[in-house]
C-alpha atoms as a PDB file:
ATOM      1  CA  MET A   1      -1.720  22.805  56.844  1.00  0.00           C
ATOM      2  CA  ALA A   2      -3.437  19.552  56.502  1.00  0.00           C
ATOM      3  CA  TRP A   3      -6.596  18.614  59.025  1.00  0.00           C
ATOM      4  CA  GLY A   4      -5.237  15.665  61.207  1.00  0.00           C
ATOM      5  CA  SER A   5      -1.682  16.600  61.167  1.00  0.00           C
ATOM      6  CA  LYS A   6      -0.438  17.021  64.544  1.00  0.00           C
ATOM      7  CA  LYS A   7       2.617  19.477  63.474  1.00  0.00           C
ATOM      8  CA  GLY A   8       1.946  23.033  64.116  1.00  0.00           C
ATOM      9  CA  SER A   9       0.469  24.971  66.728  1.00  0.00           C
ATOM     10  CA  GLN A  10      -2.853  24.881  68.556  1.00  0.00           C
ATOM     11  CA  ALA A  11      -3.912  27.766  66.552  1.00  0.00           C
ATOM     12  CA  ASP A  12      -3.930  25.288  63.370  1.00  0.00           C
ATOM     13  CA  TRP A  13      -6.740  22.951  65.218  1.00  0.00           C
ATOM     14  CA  PRO A  14     -10.354  23.070  64.760  1.00  0.00           C
ATOM     15  CA  ALA A  15     -12.178  25.446  67.298  1.00  0.00           C
ATOM     16  CA  SER A  16     -14.371  22.505  68.774  1.00  0.00           C
ATOM     17  CA  SER A  17     -10.892  20.465  69.594  1.00  0.00           C
ATOM     18  CA  GLY A  18     -10.420  22.653  72.537  1.00  0.00           C
ATOM     19  CA  PRO A  19      -6.921  23.661  73.864  1.00  0.00           C
ATOM     20  CA  GLY A  20      -4.322  21.351  74.230  1.00  0.00           C
ATOM     21  CA  VAL A  21      -6.412  18.348  72.867  1.00  0.00           C
ATOM     22  CA  ALA A  22      -5.404  16.770  69.140  1.00  0.00           C
ATOM     23  CA  PRO A  23      -8.238  16.825  66.670  1.00  0.00           C
ATOM     24  CA  GLN A  24      -9.553  13.083  65.977  1.00  0.00           C
ATOM     25  CA  SER A  25     -10.958  13.717  62.878  1.00  0.00           C
ATOM     26  CA  HIS A  26      -9.627  15.275  59.527  1.00  0.00           C
ATOM     27  CA  VAL A  27     -13.128  16.766  58.863  1.00  0.00           C
ATOM     28  CA  PRO A  28     -13.846  19.994  60.209  1.00  0.00           C
ATOM     29  CA  ALA A  29     -16.039  20.233  63.478  1.00  0.00           C
ATOM     30  CA  ALA A  30     -18.910  21.823  61.668  1.00  0.00           C
ATOM     31  CA  VAL A  31     -19.066  19.263  58.732  1.00  0.00           C
ATOM     32  CA  ALA A  32     -18.588  16.437  61.023  1.00  0.00           C
ATOM     33  CA  GLY A  33     -21.637  17.810  63.130  1.00  0.00           C
ATOM     34  CA  VAL A  34     -23.828  17.865  60.263  1.00  0.00           C
ATOM     35  CA  LEU A  35     -22.812  14.338  59.041  1.00  0.00           C
ATOM     36  CA  GLY A  36     -23.312  13.074  62.593  1.00  0.00           C
ATOM     37  CA  LYS A  37     -20.152  10.894  62.309  1.00  0.00           C
ATOM     38  CA  GLU A  38     -16.225  11.380  62.367  1.00  0.00           C
ATOM     39  CA  THR A  39     -13.959   9.969  59.622  1.00  0.00           C
ATOM     40  CA  PRO A  40     -10.920   8.433  60.345  1.00  0.00           C
ATOM     41  CA  ALA A  41      -7.805  10.403  59.632  1.00  0.00           C
ATOM     42  CA  PRO A  42      -5.992   9.696  56.588  1.00  0.00           C
ATOM     43  CA  LYS A  43      -2.739   7.224  56.640  1.00  0.00           C
ATOM     44  CA  PRO A  44       0.449   9.397  56.350  1.00  0.00           C
ATOM     45  CA  GLU A  45       1.870   9.710  52.507  1.00  0.00           C
ATOM     46  CA  PRO A  46       4.650   7.416  52.073  1.00  0.00           C
ATOM     47  CA  LYS A  47       7.948   9.211  51.633  1.00  0.00           C
ATOM     48  CA  ALA A  48       8.977  10.300  47.964  1.00  0.00           C
ATOM     49  CA  GLU A  49      12.085   8.199  48.340  1.00  0.00           C
ATOM     50  CA  SER A  50      10.064   4.856  48.779  1.00  0.00           C
ATOM     51  CA  GLN A  51       7.941   5.742  46.097  1.00  0.00           C
ATOM     52  CA  LYS A  52      10.592   5.683  43.201  1.00  0.00           C
ATOM     53  CA  ARG A  53      10.552   2.719  41.624  1.00  0.00           C
ATOM     54  CA  PRO A  54      14.309   1.121  41.296  1.00  0.00           C
ATOM     55  CA  VAL A  55      15.752   1.632  37.982  1.00  0.00           C
ATOM     56  CA  THR A  56      17.173  -1.041  36.221  1.00  0.00           C
ATOM     57  CA  GLU A  57      20.003  -0.174  33.774  1.00  0.00           C
ATOM     58  CA  ARG A  58      19.269  -1.744  30.328  1.00  0.00           C
ATOM     59  CA  ARG A  59      21.311  -1.809  27.344  1.00  0.00           C
ATOM     60  CA  MET A  60      18.927  -1.574  24.024  1.00  0.00           C
ATOM     61  CA  VAL A  61      20.081  -2.944  20.788  1.00  0.00           C
ATOM     62  CA  GLU A  62      18.047  -2.260  17.813  1.00  0.00           C
ATOM     63  CA  ARG A  63      16.213  -5.386  15.943  1.00  0.00           C
ATOM     64  CA  LYS A  64      16.678  -4.916  12.177  1.00  0.00           C
ATOM     65  CA  SER A  65      14.877  -7.222   9.535  1.00  0.00           C
ATOM     66  CA  PRO A  66      17.030  -9.667   8.009  1.00  0.00           C
ATOM     67  CA  GLU A  67      19.121  -8.425   5.004  1.00  0.00           C
ATOM     68  CA  LEU A  68      17.555 -10.481   2.027  1.00  0.00           C
ATOM     69  CA  VAL A  69      20.696 -11.748   0.248  1.00  0.00           C
ATOM     70  CA  GLN A  70      20.345 -12.106  -3.823  1.00  0.00           C
ATOM     71  CA  PHE A  71      22.691 -14.591  -5.328  1.00  0.00           C
ATOM     72  CA  ASP A  72      23.711 -12.180  -8.520  1.00  0.00           C
ATOM     73  CA  GLY A  73      27.286 -13.509  -8.933  1.00  0.00           C
ATOM     74  CA  LYS A  74      29.326 -16.423  -8.569  1.00  0.00           C
ATOM     75  CA  GLY A  75      31.010 -17.124  -5.233  1.00  0.00           C
ATOM     76  CA  VAL A  76      28.198 -15.145  -3.440  1.00  0.00           C
ATOM     77  CA  PHE A  77      28.424 -16.507  -0.074  1.00  0.00           C
ATOM     78  CA  VAL A  78      26.075 -16.687   2.970  1.00  0.00           C
ATOM     79  CA  SER A  79      26.734 -18.439   6.332  1.00  0.00           C
ATOM     80  CA  GLY A  80      24.914 -18.711   9.716  1.00  0.00           C
ATOM     81  CA  VAL A  81      22.384 -21.059  11.953  1.00  0.00           C
ATOM     82  CA  LEU A  82      19.374 -21.511  10.004  1.00  0.00           C
ATOM     83  CA  LYS A  83      16.801 -20.009  12.387  1.00  0.00           C
ATOM     84  CA  GLU A  84      13.415 -20.139  10.356  1.00  0.00           C
ATOM     85  CA  ILE A  85      11.955 -21.631   7.203  1.00  0.00           C
ATOM     86  CA  VAL A  86       8.750 -19.939   6.154  1.00  0.00           C
ATOM     87  CA  GLN A  87       6.480 -19.696   3.111  1.00  0.00           C
ATOM     88  CA  VAL A  88       6.006 -16.061   1.837  1.00  0.00           C
ATOM     89  CA  GLU A  89       4.331 -14.500  -0.995  1.00  0.00           C
ATOM     90  CA  VAL A  90       6.512 -12.829  -3.525  1.00  0.00           C
ATOM     91  CA  LYS A  91       5.662 -10.148  -6.026  1.00  0.00           C
ATOM     92  CA  GLU A  92       6.800 -11.476  -9.788  1.00  0.00           C
ATOM     93  CA  ARG A  93       8.761  -8.952 -12.025  1.00  0.00           C
ATOM     94  CA  ASN A  94       9.648  -9.502 -15.618  1.00  0.00           C
ATOM     95  CA  LYS A  95      13.111  -9.561 -17.174  1.00  0.00           C
ATOM     96  CA  GLN A  96      13.106  -5.520 -17.111  1.00  0.00           C
ATOM     97  CA  GLY A  97      12.459  -5.646 -13.412  1.00  0.00           C
ATOM     98  CA  GLU A  98       8.835  -4.370 -13.666  1.00  0.00           C
ATOM     99  CA  LEU A  99       6.266  -5.676 -11.645  1.00  0.00           C
ATOM    100  CA  THR A 100       3.726  -8.158 -13.221  1.00  0.00           C
ATOM    101  CA  GLY A 101       0.877  -8.150 -11.176  1.00  0.00           C
ATOM    102  CA  LYS A 102       1.431 -11.840 -10.337  1.00  0.00           C
ATOM    103  CA  VAL A 103       2.048 -13.100  -6.805  1.00  0.00           C
ATOM    104  CA  SER A 104       3.860 -16.446  -6.320  1.00  0.00           C
ATOM    105  CA  LYS A 105       4.468 -18.471  -3.310  1.00  0.00           C
ATOM    106  CA  CYS A 106       8.059 -19.038  -2.283  1.00  0.00           C
ATOM    107  CA  ILE A 107      10.060 -20.632   0.681  1.00  0.00           C
ATOM    108  CA  GLN A 108      12.190 -18.091   2.941  1.00  0.00           C
ATOM    109  CA  TYR A 109      15.266 -19.037   5.012  1.00  0.00           C
ATOM    110  CA  THR A 110      16.476 -17.068   7.471  1.00  0.00           C
ATOM    111  CA  PHE A 111      20.048 -17.339   9.122  1.00  0.00           C
ATOM    112  CA  PHE A 112      21.939 -15.777  12.005  1.00  0.00           C
ATOM    113  CA  ASN A 113      25.511 -14.849  11.055  1.00  0.00           C
ATOM    114  CA  ASP A 114      27.448 -14.966  14.706  1.00  0.00           C
ATOM    115  CA  GLU A 115      30.416 -13.128  13.469  1.00  0.00           C
ATOM    116  CA  GLU A 116      28.826 -10.294  11.927  1.00  0.00           C
ATOM    117  CA  ARG A 117      25.727 -10.551  14.651  1.00  0.00           C
ATOM    118  CA  LYS A 118      23.384  -9.967  11.931  1.00  0.00           C
ATOM    119  CA  PRO A 119      20.634 -11.819  10.526  1.00  0.00           C
ATOM    120  CA  TYR A 120      19.967 -12.654   6.832  1.00  0.00           C
ATOM    121  CA  LYS A 121      17.434 -13.933   4.453  1.00  0.00           C
ATOM    122  CA  ILE A 122      17.246 -15.807   1.325  1.00  0.00           C
ATOM    123  CA  LEU A 123      14.697 -17.236  -1.091  1.00  0.00           C
ATOM    124  CA  GLY A 124      14.141 -20.535  -2.225  1.00  0.00           C
ATOM    125  CA  THR A 125      15.135 -21.948  -5.104  1.00  0.00           C
ATOM    126  CA  TYR A 126      14.792 -25.510  -6.618  1.00  0.00           C
ATOM    127  CA  ASP A 127      18.365 -26.337  -5.651  1.00  0.00           C
ATOM    128  CA  LEU A 128      18.100 -24.938  -2.149  1.00  0.00           C
ATOM    129  CA  ASN A 129      14.782 -26.497  -1.444  1.00  0.00           C
ATOM    130  CA  ASN A 130      15.801 -29.799  -2.356  1.00  0.00           C
ATOM    131  CA  LYS A 131      19.028 -29.440  -0.010  1.00  0.00           C
ATOM    132  CA  ILE A 132      17.580 -27.850   3.022  1.00  0.00           C
ATOM    133  CA  SER A 133      14.846 -29.476   5.181  1.00  0.00           C
ATOM    134  CA  ARG A 134      13.150 -28.476   8.528  1.00  0.00           C
ATOM    135  CA  ALA A 135      15.145 -30.753  10.308  1.00  0.00           C
ATOM    136  CA  ASP A 136      18.161 -28.441   9.821  1.00  0.00           C
ATOM    137  CA  VAL A 137      16.775 -25.847  11.594  1.00  0.00           C
ATOM    138  CA  GLY A 138      19.323 -24.797  14.324  1.00  0.00           C
ATOM    139  CA  LEU A 139      22.402 -25.803  12.730  1.00  0.00           C
ATOM    140  CA  TYR A 140      25.191 -23.969  11.073  1.00  0.00           C
ATOM    141  CA  CYS A 141      25.348 -23.690   7.721  1.00  0.00           C
ATOM    142  CA  GLU A 142      27.248 -22.315   4.670  1.00  0.00           C
ATOM    143  CA  ILE A 143      25.813 -21.718   1.294  1.00  0.00           C
ATOM    144  CA  THR A 144      27.809 -20.345  -1.883  1.00  0.00           C
ATOM    145  CA  TYR A 145      26.370 -19.466  -5.074  1.00  0.00           C
ATOM    146  CA  ILE A 146      28.012 -21.714  -7.974  1.00  0.00           C
ATOM    147  CA  GLY A 147      26.006 -20.191 -11.122  1.00  0.00           C
ATOM    148  CA  GLU A 148      23.317 -21.228 -13.521  1.00  0.00           C
ATOM    149  CA  ASN A 149      23.024 -24.408 -15.092  1.00  0.00           C
ATOM    150  CA  PRO A 150      22.364 -23.739 -18.783  1.00  0.00           C
ATOM    151  CA  ASP A 151      21.280 -27.645 -19.240  1.00  0.00           C
ATOM    152  CA  VAL A 152      18.267 -27.271 -16.872  1.00  0.00           C
ATOM    153  CA  GLY A 153      15.600 -24.686 -17.013  1.00  0.00           C
ATOM    154  CA  ARG A 154      12.238 -23.476 -17.731  1.00  0.00           C
ATOM    155  CA  ASN A 155      10.606 -20.519 -19.751  1.00  0.00           C
ATOM    156  CA  GLY A 156      14.002 -19.138 -20.406  1.00  0.00           C
ATOM    157  CA  ASN A 157      15.342 -19.122 -17.054  1.00  0.00           C
ATOM    158  CA  GLN A 158      18.469 -21.513 -15.945  1.00  0.00           C
ATOM    159  CA  MET A 159      18.348 -23.492 -12.727  1.00  0.00           C
ATOM    160  CA  LYS A 160      20.592 -21.724 -10.121  1.00  0.00           C
ATOM    161  CA  GLU A 161      23.034 -24.143  -8.474  1.00  0.00           C
ATOM    162  CA  PHE A 162      24.577 -23.842  -4.850  1.00  0.00           C
ATOM    163  CA  LYS A 163      27.130 -25.620  -2.902  1.00  0.00           C
ATOM    164  CA  VAL A 164      24.923 -26.255   0.621  1.00  0.00           C
ATOM    165  CA  GLN A 165      27.147 -27.281   3.666  1.00  0.00           C
ATOM    166  CA  PHE A 166      25.749 -28.098   7.130  1.00  0.00           C
ATOM    167  CA  GLU A 167      27.898 -28.542  10.368  1.00  0.00           C
ATOM    168  CA  GLU A 168      28.332 -32.282  10.733  1.00  0.00           C
ATOM    169  CA  THR A 169      26.057 -33.744  13.762  1.00  0.00           C
ATOM    170  CA  GLY A 170      26.336 -37.210  13.989  1.00  0.00           C
ATOM    171  CA  ASN A 171      22.321 -37.341  12.883  1.00  0.00           C
ATOM    172  CA  PHE A 172      20.582 -38.906   9.935  1.00  0.00           C
ATOM    173  CA  SER A 173      19.610 -36.421   7.538  1.00  0.00           C
ATOM    174  CA  ASP A 174      15.714 -36.154   9.387  1.00  0.00           C
ATOM    175  CA  GLY A 175      17.441 -35.254  12.667  1.00  0.00           C
ATOM    176  CA  SER A 176      17.171 -38.467  14.574  1.00  0.00           C
ATOM    177  CA  PRO A 177      20.395 -39.333  16.156  1.00  0.00           C
ATOM    178  CA  ILE A 178      22.333 -42.716  15.358  1.00  0.00           C
ATOM    179  CA  THR A 179      21.962 -45.188  17.673  1.00  0.00           C
ATOM    180  CA  ASP A 180      23.673 -48.871  18.240  1.00  0.00           C
ATOM    181  CA  GLU A 181      20.474 -50.081  16.630  1.00  0.00           C
ATOM    182  CA  ASP A 182      21.058 -48.224  13.626  1.00  0.00           C
ATOM    183  CA  ILE A 183      24.498 -50.250  12.882  1.00  0.00           C
ATOM    184  CA  PRO A 184      23.748 -53.546  11.308  1.00  0.00           C
ATOM    185  CA  PHE A 185      26.798 -55.283  12.791  1.00  0.00           C
END
C-alpha cells in the first residue's frame, strides 16, 4: 500500500500518526523527522481509462512513385491532370542501351490520371517541350505518340512527334483569362 493512501486499516498507517488519524505526509515519520518537514501527499493518478488517447480510424493508402511512360510505339497514350514540371538529370545510354557515363538535363512532366488513380511521368522531348508550358499545370491533358519524323533529326535520331491536347479553359495560352478589354470590337 502506498503512503498517503486512505484505504486500508489503521495497521497500514505509520506508527507516528496515531490510531484513528490519517497520515498527513507520504514520507514515513522517521524520514520526515530527519528532514524537519513534511512533503505534500502525491496527487492521485488519473484512471487508466482517461489516459488512453482516442483512437482515430485512418485509411492508409500506399503512395508509389509515378510510373515512367516511354513512347516506344505509335499510339502510346497518356492522359491526366498535369501536376508538375521539373528539370531532372538523366544518364545517357548508347544505341545498345549501355550507360555512356554522360548526364544530361531534361524536363520531366508528371500527370495524375483520375480514372486509374495513378500518377505518370514522361520525359520531355523537343516537340513536347514546345507544346507544354507552366501555364498548363492543373489542366487535364491527353498526349498521343504519333511517331518519328524522318525529315527532322540530329545525330541519327529522328524527332518524336506527339498530339498534345488540353482541356479548353477560355484562357489565353499564358493562363490569363479573356476579358472584354481583350476583344477589339
